Protein backbone atom coordinates (compact mmCIF):
# COMPACT_ATOMS: atom_id res chain seq x y z
CA UNK A 1 99.86 175.59 74.38
CA UNK A 2 97.91 177.65 76.90
CA UNK A 3 94.56 176.51 78.14
CA UNK A 4 91.94 177.59 75.64
CA UNK A 5 88.61 179.12 76.49
CA UNK A 6 85.27 177.53 75.74
CA UNK A 7 83.33 179.50 73.14
CA UNK A 8 79.90 179.02 74.64
CA UNK A 9 79.04 177.43 77.91
CA UNK A 10 77.62 173.95 77.38
CA UNK A 11 74.48 174.99 79.33
CA UNK A 12 73.50 177.00 76.24
CA UNK A 13 72.95 173.74 74.37
CA UNK A 14 70.23 171.20 75.08
CA UNK A 15 71.57 168.29 77.09
CA UNK A 16 71.06 164.70 76.04
CA UNK A 17 68.15 162.90 77.66
CA UNK A 18 69.20 160.20 80.11
CA UNK A 19 65.85 158.43 80.11
CA UNK A 20 62.89 158.16 77.81
CA UNK A 21 61.48 156.15 74.99
CA UNK A 22 63.47 155.38 71.86
CA UNK A 23 62.19 158.42 69.93
CA UNK A 24 63.07 160.75 72.80
CA UNK A 25 66.58 159.31 73.08
CA UNK A 26 67.31 159.31 69.34
CA UNK A 27 65.94 162.82 68.84
CA UNK A 28 67.66 164.08 71.97
CA UNK A 29 71.08 162.78 70.96
CA UNK A 30 70.69 164.22 67.47
CA UNK A 31 69.63 167.60 68.85
CA UNK A 32 72.59 167.58 71.24
CA UNK A 33 74.96 167.04 68.32
CA UNK A 34 73.20 169.69 66.25
CA UNK A 35 73.71 172.09 69.13
CA UNK A 36 77.37 171.08 69.31
CA UNK A 37 77.80 172.03 65.65
CA UNK A 38 76.41 175.50 66.35
CA UNK A 39 78.52 175.78 69.51
CA UNK A 40 81.72 174.95 67.61
CA UNK A 41 81.29 177.77 65.08
CA UNK A 42 79.96 180.42 67.47
CA UNK A 43 82.08 183.55 67.42
CA UNK A 44 84.18 182.68 64.37
CA UNK A 45 85.05 185.48 62.00
CA UNK A 46 84.06 185.12 58.35
CA UNK A 47 87.72 184.68 57.49
CA UNK A 48 88.27 181.93 60.05
CA UNK A 49 85.00 180.19 59.13
CA UNK A 50 86.31 179.85 55.55
CA UNK A 51 89.92 179.02 56.41
CA UNK A 52 91.10 175.47 55.74
CA UNK A 53 93.38 174.15 58.49
CA UNK A 54 93.08 170.44 57.71
CA UNK A 55 94.54 168.70 54.65
CA UNK A 56 91.16 168.77 52.88
CA UNK A 57 90.63 172.31 51.56
CA UNK A 58 86.85 171.90 51.75
CA UNK A 59 86.77 170.96 55.43
CA UNK A 60 86.29 174.45 56.80
CA UNK A 61 83.95 175.39 59.62
CA UNK A 62 81.59 177.02 57.11
CA UNK A 63 81.89 174.04 54.76
CA UNK A 64 80.97 171.56 57.47
CA UNK A 65 77.88 173.57 58.46
CA UNK A 66 76.78 173.91 54.84
CA UNK A 67 77.31 170.20 54.22
CA UNK A 68 75.33 169.22 57.33
CA UNK A 69 72.46 171.48 56.28
CA UNK A 70 72.21 169.63 52.96
CA UNK A 71 72.66 166.22 54.59
CA UNK A 72 69.70 167.03 56.87
CA UNK A 73 67.72 168.10 53.80
CA UNK A 74 68.57 164.94 51.90
CA UNK A 75 67.74 162.36 54.54
CA UNK A 76 64.66 163.99 56.04
CA UNK A 77 63.07 166.06 53.28
CA UNK A 78 64.15 164.07 50.21
CA UNK A 79 64.52 160.46 51.38
CA UNK A 80 61.71 160.41 53.96
CA UNK A 81 59.55 163.24 52.62
CA UNK A 82 59.73 162.46 48.92
CA UNK A 83 60.70 165.99 47.85
CA UNK A 84 63.11 166.67 44.99
CA UNK A 85 66.79 167.05 45.87
CA UNK A 86 67.76 170.72 45.46
CA UNK A 87 71.23 170.48 47.01
CA UNK A 88 74.14 172.31 45.37
CA UNK A 89 75.97 169.10 44.49
CA UNK A 90 75.80 167.08 41.31
CA UNK A 91 77.64 164.31 39.52
CA UNK A 92 79.82 167.00 37.96
CA UNK A 93 80.34 168.77 41.30
CA UNK A 94 79.94 166.23 44.12
CA UNK A 95 81.46 168.67 46.62
CA UNK A 96 79.06 171.54 45.93
CA UNK A 97 77.51 171.21 49.38
CA UNK A 98 80.92 171.87 50.97
CA UNK A 99 81.96 174.79 48.78
CA UNK A 100 81.36 178.26 50.18
CA UNK A 101 80.18 180.65 47.50
CA UNK A 102 80.78 184.41 47.46
CA UNK A 103 78.17 186.09 49.60
CA UNK A 104 77.55 183.08 51.84
CA UNK A 105 78.21 183.99 55.47
CA UNK A 106 78.71 181.79 58.48
CA UNK A 107 75.73 183.42 60.20
CA UNK A 108 73.48 182.67 57.21
CA UNK A 109 74.81 179.11 56.96
CA UNK A 110 74.11 178.51 60.66
CA UNK A 111 70.62 180.00 60.30
CA UNK A 112 69.94 177.79 57.26
CA UNK A 113 71.20 174.77 59.20
CA UNK A 114 68.96 175.58 62.17
CA UNK A 115 65.95 176.04 59.87
CA UNK A 116 66.66 172.73 58.15
CA UNK A 117 67.01 170.96 61.51
CA UNK A 118 63.61 172.35 62.55
CA UNK A 119 62.11 171.12 59.27
CA UNK A 120 63.71 167.71 59.84
CA UNK A 121 62.11 167.49 63.28
CA UNK A 122 58.73 168.24 61.71
CA UNK A 123 59.17 165.47 59.13
CA UNK A 124 59.85 162.77 61.73
CA UNK A 125 57.31 164.05 64.28
CA UNK A 126 54.45 162.59 62.29
CA UNK A 127 56.12 159.30 61.40
CA UNK A 128 56.51 156.10 63.36
CA UNK A 129 60.12 154.96 63.81
CA UNK A 130 59.27 151.79 61.89
CA UNK A 131 57.79 153.76 58.96
CA UNK A 132 59.56 152.74 55.76
CA UNK A 133 59.96 154.41 52.39
CA UNK A 134 61.26 152.98 49.14
CA UNK A 135 64.76 154.27 48.66
CA UNK A 136 67.13 154.23 45.70
CA UNK A 137 65.07 151.91 43.60
CA UNK A 138 64.18 148.81 45.55
CA UNK A 139 65.65 149.38 49.01
CA UNK A 140 63.60 150.19 52.08
CA UNK A 141 64.61 152.86 54.53
CA UNK A 142 63.11 153.41 58.00
CA UNK A 143 62.78 156.57 60.05
CA UNK A 144 64.80 154.84 62.78
CA UNK A 145 67.67 154.20 60.33
CA UNK A 146 67.68 157.85 59.24
CA UNK A 147 67.85 159.08 62.85
CA UNK A 148 70.68 156.68 63.69
CA UNK A 149 72.55 157.62 60.53
CA UNK A 150 72.15 161.34 61.26
CA UNK A 151 73.50 160.86 64.79
CA UNK A 152 76.56 159.19 63.26
CA UNK A 153 76.94 161.76 60.48
CA UNK A 154 76.47 164.80 62.71
CA UNK A 155 78.76 163.35 65.39
CA UNK A 156 81.51 162.67 62.86
CA UNK A 157 81.36 166.21 61.52
CA UNK A 158 81.14 167.72 65.02
CA UNK A 159 84.47 165.95 65.58
CA UNK A 160 85.87 167.61 62.47
CA UNK A 161 84.72 170.94 63.89
CA UNK A 162 86.52 170.15 67.16
CA UNK A 163 89.80 169.86 65.27
CA UNK A 164 89.13 172.80 62.95
CA UNK A 165 88.22 175.12 65.81
CA UNK A 166 91.21 174.19 67.94
CA UNK A 167 93.57 174.67 65.00
CA UNK A 168 91.98 178.01 64.11
CA UNK A 169 92.12 179.74 67.47
CA UNK A 170 92.89 177.21 70.20
CA UNK A 171 89.31 177.07 71.44
CA UNK A 172 88.32 173.73 72.92
CA UNK A 173 85.32 172.51 74.83
CA UNK A 174 82.33 170.29 74.39
């Protein structure tokens, strides 16, 4: 295989902080991974964004972005913010947040993801990392736990996008 190009120079994405308090480090790592998600889908055609190249037919570039948008919504807006869950999944359709509907475009999905990430930042900005909410009945959930979980979740799916992008057009990079 020939050496692939990098879609967007890494300088276009916020770098991780190397020093700072816990909030700065957690938020910085999450923002770095959020930027990586956007970097990985930059320049994809609509056809390629919807094309499944992994064994799971739902793990497309567009599907990953849509899923991450709704994961952000769930953990920050619903779990921490107490808002109703309006995601497109249900018990009857647990994969609704991965499924790309007619009319959904990769550019709109990326814009929705970016807007949700901004809203997520606003939710945690006013909360202490130790702030807890009651979650799923009798469990307690802290802001710190949500940030750590979202770093893990976003990092995992950024890895999926690494593989998807390379299989689509050979593009690699950070």
